[in-house]
Amino acid sequence: MARIGTRIVAAAALAGLVLPAVAFAQRDPAYAAARAGGQVGEKMDGYLGYVVPPSPALRAVVEDINIKRKAVYADKAKANSATVEEYALTSGCLLIAQTRPGEKYQAPDGSWQTRTAAPPLRDARCP
């Protein structure tokens, strides 16, 4: 268990390197509109999820972003002797923490929540 904690802390320290790459992939106007409109949100596993059933076009955009995220997570996890899942979880924690009021995120119980001015609900495994 200590080894997993160490990996997650290491991943958290390096997540600052991931988030700019992830943000670059998300500059698509369709994604921005869907995020602002509450159609998609940040999931605890580090990927985007659908709050409502997506259109084929939105599905394609989100799948592309999630593929890019997974590639970044895999590279960073390998470089830091962590699993992709550990790195993705840590990134998910950070991405949820960075949501803005009105945006959707996944709570620890799996429900979709709308971010308020208060801190978001976080998984106990978050650093």
N, C-alpha and C. Protein backbone atom coordinates (compact mmCIF):
# COMPACT_ATOMS: atom_id res chain seq x y z
N MET A 1 0.83 -1.20 0.00
CA MET A 1 0.00 0.00 0.00
C MET A 1 0.86 1.26 0.00
N ALA A 2 1.97 1.24 0.74
CA ALA A 2 2.86 2.40 0.77
C ALA A 2 3.43 2.67 -0.62
N ARG A 3 3.69 1.58 -1.37
CA ARG A 3 4.23 1.73 -2.71
C ARG A 3 3.23 2.45 -3.61
N ILE A 4 1.94 2.09 -3.50
CA ILE A 4 0.92 2.77 -4.29
C ILE A 4 0.84 4.23 -3.91
N GLY A 5 0.88 4.52 -2.62
CA GLY A 5 0.84 5.91 -2.16
C GLY A 5 2.02 6.71 -2.70
N THR A 6 3.19 6.10 -2.70
CA THR A 6 4.37 6.77 -3.22
C THR A 6 4.21 7.05 -4.71
N ARG A 7 3.69 6.09 -5.43
CA ARG A 7 3.47 6.28 -6.87
C ARG A 7 2.48 7.39 -7.12
N ILE A 8 1.42 7.41 -6.34
CA ILE A 8 0.40 8.44 -6.56
C ILE A 8 0.97 9.81 -6.24
N VAL A 9 1.75 9.92 -5.18
CA VAL A 9 2.37 11.21 -4.85
C VAL A 9 3.31 11.64 -5.97
N ALA A 10 4.09 10.69 -6.48
CA ALA A 10 4.99 11.01 -7.59
C ALA A 10 4.19 11.45 -8.81
N ALA A 11 3.10 10.76 -9.05
CA ALA A 11 2.26 11.12 -10.19
C ALA A 11 1.67 12.51 -9.99
N ALA A 12 1.26 12.80 -8.78
CA ALA A 12 0.69 14.12 -8.50
C ALA A 12 1.72 15.21 -8.72
N ALA A 13 2.95 14.95 -8.32
CA ALA A 13 4.00 15.93 -8.50
C ALA A 13 4.24 16.21 -9.98
N LEU A 14 4.05 15.21 -10.80
CA LEU A 14 4.30 15.37 -12.22
C LEU A 14 3.05 15.70 -13.02
N ALA A 15 1.92 15.71 -12.38
CA ALA A 15 0.67 15.99 -13.10
C ALA A 15 0.69 17.38 -13.70
N GLY A 16 1.47 18.26 -13.13
CA GLY A 16 1.61 19.58 -13.72
C GLY A 16 2.14 19.51 -15.14
N LEU A 17 2.88 18.46 -15.44
CA LEU A 17 3.37 18.26 -16.80
C LEU A 17 2.29 17.69 -17.69
N VAL A 18 1.34 16.98 -17.12
CA VAL A 18 0.27 16.35 -17.89
C VAL A 18 -0.81 17.36 -18.24
N LEU A 19 -1.19 18.16 -17.28
CA LEU A 19 -2.34 19.02 -17.47
C LEU A 19 -2.19 19.99 -18.64
N PRO A 20 -1.01 20.59 -18.88
CA PRO A 20 -0.90 21.42 -20.08
C PRO A 20 -1.13 20.62 -21.37
N ALA A 21 -0.62 19.42 -21.43
CA ALA A 21 -0.82 18.60 -22.63
C ALA A 21 -2.29 18.24 -22.80
N VAL A 22 -2.95 17.95 -21.69
CA VAL A 22 -4.37 17.62 -21.73
C VAL A 22 -5.17 18.85 -22.15
N ALA A 23 -4.83 20.00 -21.60
CA ALA A 23 -5.55 21.22 -21.93
C ALA A 23 -5.41 21.57 -23.40
N PHE A 24 -4.22 21.34 -23.95
CA PHE A 24 -4.00 21.62 -25.37
C PHE A 24 -4.96 20.80 -26.23
N ALA A 25 -5.19 19.55 -25.84
CA ALA A 25 -6.07 18.67 -26.61
C ALA A 25 -7.53 19.09 -26.51
N GLN A 26 -7.85 19.93 -25.54
CA GLN A 26 -9.24 20.28 -25.28
C GLN A 26 -9.64 21.64 -25.82
N ARG A 27 -8.90 22.19 -26.74
CA ARG A 27 -9.23 23.51 -27.26
C ARG A 27 -10.30 23.47 -28.34
N ASP A 28 -10.83 22.31 -28.61
CA ASP A 28 -11.87 22.15 -29.62
C ASP A 28 -13.12 22.93 -29.17
N PRO A 29 -13.67 23.80 -30.02
CA PRO A 29 -14.85 24.58 -29.64
C PRO A 29 -16.06 23.71 -29.28
N ALA A 30 -16.20 22.56 -29.94
CA ALA A 30 -17.33 21.66 -29.62
C ALA A 30 -17.18 21.12 -28.21
N TYR A 31 -15.95 20.81 -27.82
CA TYR A 31 -15.70 20.34 -26.46
C TYR A 31 -16.01 21.46 -25.46
N ALA A 32 -15.51 22.65 -25.73
CA ALA A 32 -15.73 23.77 -24.81
C ALA A 32 -17.22 24.05 -24.63
N ALA A 33 -17.97 23.99 -25.71
CA ALA A 33 -19.42 24.23 -25.63
C ALA A 33 -20.10 23.12 -24.83
N ALA A 34 -19.69 21.87 -25.06
CA ALA A 34 -20.30 20.75 -24.34
C ALA A 34 -19.97 20.81 -22.85
N ARG A 35 -18.76 21.21 -22.53
CA ARG A 35 -18.36 21.32 -21.12
C ARG A 35 -19.15 22.44 -20.46
N ALA A 36 -19.22 23.59 -21.12
CA ALA A 36 -19.97 24.73 -20.56
C ALA A 36 -21.46 24.42 -20.45
N GLY A 37 -21.96 23.60 -21.37
CA GLY A 37 -23.38 23.25 -21.36
C GLY A 37 -23.73 22.08 -20.47
N GLY A 38 -22.74 21.53 -19.75
CA GLY A 38 -23.01 20.43 -18.82
C GLY A 38 -23.25 19.09 -19.49
N GLN A 39 -22.84 18.94 -20.75
CA GLN A 39 -23.02 17.67 -21.45
C GLN A 39 -21.91 16.67 -21.13
N VAL A 40 -20.73 17.18 -20.80
CA VAL A 40 -19.59 16.33 -20.44
C VAL A 40 -18.99 16.86 -19.14
N GLY A 41 -18.27 15.98 -18.47
CA GLY A 41 -17.63 16.38 -17.23
C GLY A 41 -16.40 15.54 -16.96
N GLU A 42 -15.65 15.97 -15.98
CA GLU A 42 -14.44 15.26 -15.57
C GLU A 42 -14.81 14.08 -14.68
N LYS A 43 -14.25 12.92 -15.02
CA LYS A 43 -14.48 11.72 -14.23
C LYS A 43 -13.30 11.50 -13.28
N MET A 44 -13.56 10.75 -12.24
CA MET A 44 -12.52 10.48 -11.24
C MET A 44 -11.38 9.66 -11.82
N ASP A 45 -11.63 8.94 -12.90
CA ASP A 45 -10.58 8.10 -13.46
C ASP A 45 -9.66 8.85 -14.42
N GLY A 46 -9.82 10.18 -14.50
CA GLY A 46 -8.93 10.98 -15.33
C GLY A 46 -9.40 11.19 -16.75
N TYR A 47 -10.57 10.69 -17.07
CA TYR A 47 -11.09 10.81 -18.42
C TYR A 47 -12.37 11.62 -18.41
N LEU A 48 -12.80 12.06 -19.59
CA LEU A 48 -14.07 12.77 -19.71
C LEU A 48 -15.19 11.76 -19.77
N GLY A 49 -16.33 12.15 -19.25
CA GLY A 49 -17.52 11.30 -19.31
C GLY A 49 -18.70 12.10 -19.82
N TYR A 50 -19.73 11.37 -20.22
CA TYR A 50 -20.95 11.98 -20.75
C TYR A 50 -21.97 12.10 -19.63
N VAL A 51 -22.42 13.31 -19.41
CA VAL A 51 -23.46 13.56 -18.41
C VAL A 51 -24.82 13.22 -19.01
N VAL A 52 -24.97 13.49 -20.29
CA VAL A 52 -26.19 13.17 -21.06
C VAL A 52 -25.75 12.40 -22.30
N PRO A 53 -26.66 11.65 -22.92
CA PRO A 53 -26.27 10.93 -24.13
C PRO A 53 -25.71 11.90 -25.18
N PRO A 54 -24.52 11.60 -25.72
CA PRO A 54 -23.87 12.52 -26.66
C PRO A 54 -24.33 12.33 -28.10
N SER A 55 -24.17 13.38 -28.87
CA SER A 55 -24.35 13.28 -30.31
C SER A 55 -23.14 12.53 -30.87
N PRO A 56 -23.25 11.99 -32.06
CA PRO A 56 -22.08 11.33 -32.66
C PRO A 56 -20.87 12.26 -32.77
N ALA A 57 -21.10 13.52 -33.09
CA ALA A 57 -19.99 14.47 -33.22
C ALA A 57 -19.31 14.70 -31.88
N LEU A 58 -20.11 14.88 -30.82
CA LEU A 58 -19.52 15.08 -29.50
C LEU A 58 -18.80 13.82 -29.04
N ARG A 59 -19.38 12.66 -29.30
CA ARG A 59 -18.73 11.40 -28.93
C ARG A 59 -17.35 11.30 -29.58
N ALA A 60 -17.25 11.70 -30.83
CA ALA A 60 -15.97 11.64 -31.54
C ALA A 60 -14.94 12.57 -30.90
N VAL A 61 -15.37 13.76 -30.52
CA VAL A 61 -14.46 14.73 -29.89
C VAL A 61 -13.98 14.20 -28.55
N VAL A 62 -14.90 13.72 -27.73
CA VAL A 62 -14.54 13.24 -26.39
C VAL A 62 -13.66 11.99 -26.48
N GLU A 63 -13.98 11.09 -27.38
CA GLU A 63 -13.15 9.90 -27.54
C GLU A 63 -11.73 10.28 -27.96
N ASP A 64 -11.61 11.26 -28.83
CA ASP A 64 -10.28 11.73 -29.26
C ASP A 64 -9.51 12.30 -28.07
N ILE A 65 -10.16 13.12 -27.27
CA ILE A 65 -9.50 13.69 -26.10
C ILE A 65 -9.09 12.59 -25.14
N ASN A 66 -9.98 11.63 -24.89
CA ASN A 66 -9.66 10.55 -23.96
C ASN A 66 -8.51 9.68 -24.46
N ILE A 67 -8.43 9.45 -25.76
CA ILE A 67 -7.31 8.70 -26.32
C ILE A 67 -6.01 9.46 -26.09
N LYS A 68 -6.04 10.76 -26.31
CA LYS A 68 -4.85 11.59 -26.09
C LYS A 68 -4.46 11.60 -24.62
N ARG A 69 -5.45 11.68 -23.74
CA ARG A 69 -5.15 11.65 -22.31
C ARG A 69 -4.48 10.33 -21.93
N LYS A 70 -5.04 9.23 -22.42
CA LYS A 70 -4.47 7.92 -22.07
C LYS A 70 -3.03 7.81 -22.54
N ALA A 71 -2.73 8.34 -23.71
CA ALA A 71 -1.35 8.30 -24.21
C ALA A 71 -0.41 9.09 -23.30
N VAL A 72 -0.86 10.26 -22.86
CA VAL A 72 -0.05 11.07 -21.95
C VAL A 72 0.12 10.34 -20.63
N TYR A 73 -0.97 9.80 -20.10
CA TYR A 73 -0.90 9.08 -18.82
C TYR A 73 0.05 7.90 -18.92
N ALA A 74 -0.02 7.17 -20.02
CA ALA A 74 0.84 5.99 -20.18
C ALA A 74 2.31 6.40 -20.21
N ASP A 75 2.63 7.44 -20.94
CA ASP A 75 4.02 7.90 -21.00
C ASP A 75 4.52 8.36 -19.63
N LYS A 76 3.72 9.15 -18.95
CA LYS A 76 4.13 9.68 -17.65
C LYS A 76 4.19 8.57 -16.60
N ALA A 77 3.25 7.64 -16.65
CA ALA A 77 3.26 6.54 -15.69
C ALA A 77 4.51 5.69 -15.87
N LYS A 78 4.83 5.37 -17.10
CA LYS A 78 6.02 4.56 -17.37
C LYS A 78 7.28 5.26 -16.87
N ALA A 79 7.36 6.54 -17.12
CA ALA A 79 8.54 7.31 -16.70
C ALA A 79 8.67 7.40 -15.19
N ASN A 80 7.56 7.18 -14.48
CA ASN A 80 7.57 7.33 -13.02
C ASN A 80 7.26 6.04 -12.28
N SER A 81 7.39 4.91 -12.95
CA SER A 81 7.17 3.60 -12.34
C SER A 81 5.81 3.50 -11.64
N ALA A 82 4.82 4.04 -12.27
CA ALA A 82 3.44 3.96 -11.77
C ALA A 82 2.61 3.26 -12.82
N THR A 83 1.41 2.85 -12.44
CA THR A 83 0.50 2.28 -13.43
C THR A 83 -0.25 3.41 -14.11
N VAL A 84 -0.78 3.12 -15.27
CA VAL A 84 -1.59 4.10 -15.99
C VAL A 84 -2.79 4.49 -15.13
N GLU A 85 -3.39 3.51 -14.47
CA GLU A 85 -4.56 3.78 -13.64
C GLU A 85 -4.24 4.71 -12.48
N GLU A 86 -3.07 4.50 -11.83
CA GLU A 86 -2.67 5.38 -10.73
C GLU A 86 -2.46 6.80 -11.23
N TYR A 87 -1.78 6.90 -12.34
CA TYR A 87 -1.51 8.23 -12.89
C TYR A 87 -2.81 8.90 -13.34
N ALA A 88 -3.69 8.15 -13.96
CA ALA A 88 -4.96 8.69 -14.42
C ALA A 88 -5.82 9.15 -13.24
N LEU A 89 -5.85 8.36 -12.17
CA LEU A 89 -6.63 8.75 -10.98
C LEU A 89 -6.11 10.06 -10.42
N THR A 90 -4.81 10.17 -10.28
CA THR A 90 -4.22 11.40 -9.74
C THR A 90 -4.56 12.58 -10.65
N SER A 91 -4.45 12.38 -11.95
CA SER A 91 -4.80 13.44 -12.89
C SER A 91 -6.28 13.78 -12.78
N GLY A 92 -7.13 12.76 -12.62
CA GLY A 92 -8.55 13.01 -12.44
C GLY A 92 -8.82 13.86 -11.21
N CYS A 93 -8.12 13.57 -10.13
CA CYS A 93 -8.27 14.38 -8.92
C CYS A 93 -7.93 15.84 -9.19
N LEU A 94 -6.83 16.05 -9.90
CA LEU A 94 -6.39 17.41 -10.20
C LEU A 94 -7.33 18.11 -11.19
N LEU A 95 -7.78 17.38 -12.19
CA LEU A 95 -8.69 17.98 -13.18
C LEU A 95 -10.03 18.34 -12.54
N ILE A 96 -10.51 17.49 -11.64
CA ILE A 96 -11.76 17.81 -10.93
C ILE A 96 -11.55 19.03 -10.04
N ALA A 97 -10.42 19.10 -9.38
CA ALA A 97 -10.13 20.26 -8.52
C ALA A 97 -10.08 21.55 -9.32
N GLN A 98 -9.74 21.44 -10.61
CA GLN A 98 -9.63 22.63 -11.46
C GLN A 98 -10.93 23.00 -12.17
N THR A 99 -12.00 22.22 -11.95
CA THR A 99 -13.27 22.60 -12.58
C THR A 99 -13.70 23.95 -12.04
N ARG A 100 -14.53 24.60 -12.82
CA ARG A 100 -15.03 25.92 -12.44
C ARG A 100 -16.50 25.81 -12.08
N PRO A 101 -17.01 26.76 -11.29
CA PRO A 101 -18.44 26.72 -10.97
C PRO A 101 -19.29 26.60 -12.23
N GLY A 102 -20.26 25.69 -12.15
CA GLY A 102 -21.16 25.42 -13.26
C GLY A 102 -20.76 24.21 -14.08
N GLU A 103 -19.50 23.78 -13.97
CA GLU A 103 -19.04 22.62 -14.73
C GLU A 103 -19.37 21.33 -13.99
N LYS A 104 -19.47 20.25 -14.74
CA LYS A 104 -19.83 18.95 -14.17
C LYS A 104 -18.57 18.14 -13.84
N TYR A 105 -18.69 17.35 -12.78
CA TYR A 105 -17.63 16.43 -12.39
C TYR A 105 -18.26 15.23 -11.71
N GLN A 106 -17.51 14.14 -11.69
CA GLN A 106 -17.99 12.91 -11.07
C GLN A 106 -17.57 12.89 -9.60
N ALA A 107 -18.55 12.68 -8.72
CA ALA A 107 -18.29 12.59 -7.29
C ALA A 107 -17.81 11.18 -6.95
N PRO A 108 -17.26 10.98 -5.76
CA PRO A 108 -16.78 9.65 -5.38
C PRO A 108 -17.83 8.55 -5.47
N ASP A 109 -19.10 8.89 -5.32
CA ASP A 109 -20.15 7.87 -5.42
C ASP A 109 -20.56 7.59 -6.86
N GLY A 110 -19.91 8.26 -7.83
CA GLY A 110 -20.19 8.04 -9.24
C GLY A 110 -21.24 8.96 -9.82
N SER A 111 -21.88 9.76 -8.98
CA SER A 111 -22.92 10.67 -9.47
C SER A 111 -22.28 11.90 -10.11
N TRP A 112 -23.02 12.51 -11.00
CA TRP A 112 -22.55 13.76 -11.61
C TRP A 112 -22.98 14.92 -10.72
N GLN A 113 -22.04 15.78 -10.45
CA GLN A 113 -22.28 16.96 -9.63
C GLN A 113 -21.95 18.20 -10.44
N THR A 114 -22.59 19.31 -10.08
CA THR A 114 -22.27 20.59 -10.69
C THR A 114 -21.40 21.35 -9.70
N ARG A 115 -20.26 21.78 -10.16
CA ARG A 115 -19.32 22.49 -9.29
C ARG A 115 -19.94 23.80 -8.85
N THR A 116 -19.79 24.09 -7.58
CA THR A 116 -20.22 25.36 -7.00
C THR A 116 -18.94 26.11 -6.61
N ALA A 117 -19.10 27.16 -5.83
CA ALA A 117 -17.93 27.89 -5.34
C ALA A 117 -17.17 27.06 -4.30
N ALA A 118 -17.84 26.07 -3.73
CA ALA A 118 -17.20 25.21 -2.73
C ALA A 118 -16.27 24.21 -3.42
N PRO A 119 -15.31 23.67 -2.70
CA PRO A 119 -14.44 22.66 -3.29
C PRO A 119 -15.27 21.45 -3.74
N PRO A 120 -14.84 20.77 -4.80
CA PRO A 120 -15.59 19.60 -5.25
C PRO A 120 -15.42 18.43 -4.29
N LEU A 121 -16.36 17.51 -4.33
CA LEU A 121 -16.24 16.28 -3.56
C LEU A 121 -15.10 15.48 -4.17
N ARG A 122 -14.22 14.93 -3.32
CA ARG A 122 -13.03 14.24 -3.84
C ARG A 122 -12.94 12.83 -3.29
N ASP A 123 -12.36 11.98 -4.09
CA ASP A 123 -12.10 10.60 -3.71
C ASP A 123 -11.08 10.57 -2.58
N ALA A 124 -11.24 9.66 -1.64
CA ALA A 124 -10.30 9.56 -0.52
C ALA A 124 -8.89 9.24 -0.97
N ARG A 125 -8.74 8.68 -2.18
CA ARG A 125 -7.40 8.36 -2.69
C ARG A 125 -6.69 9.56 -3.30
N CYS A 126 -7.38 10.68 -3.43
CA CYS A 126 -6.76 11.87 -4.03
C CYS A 126 -5.66 12.40 -3.11
N PRO A 127 -4.57 12.82 -3.74
CA PRO A 127 -3.47 13.40 -2.93
C PRO A 127 -3.86 14.76 -2.38
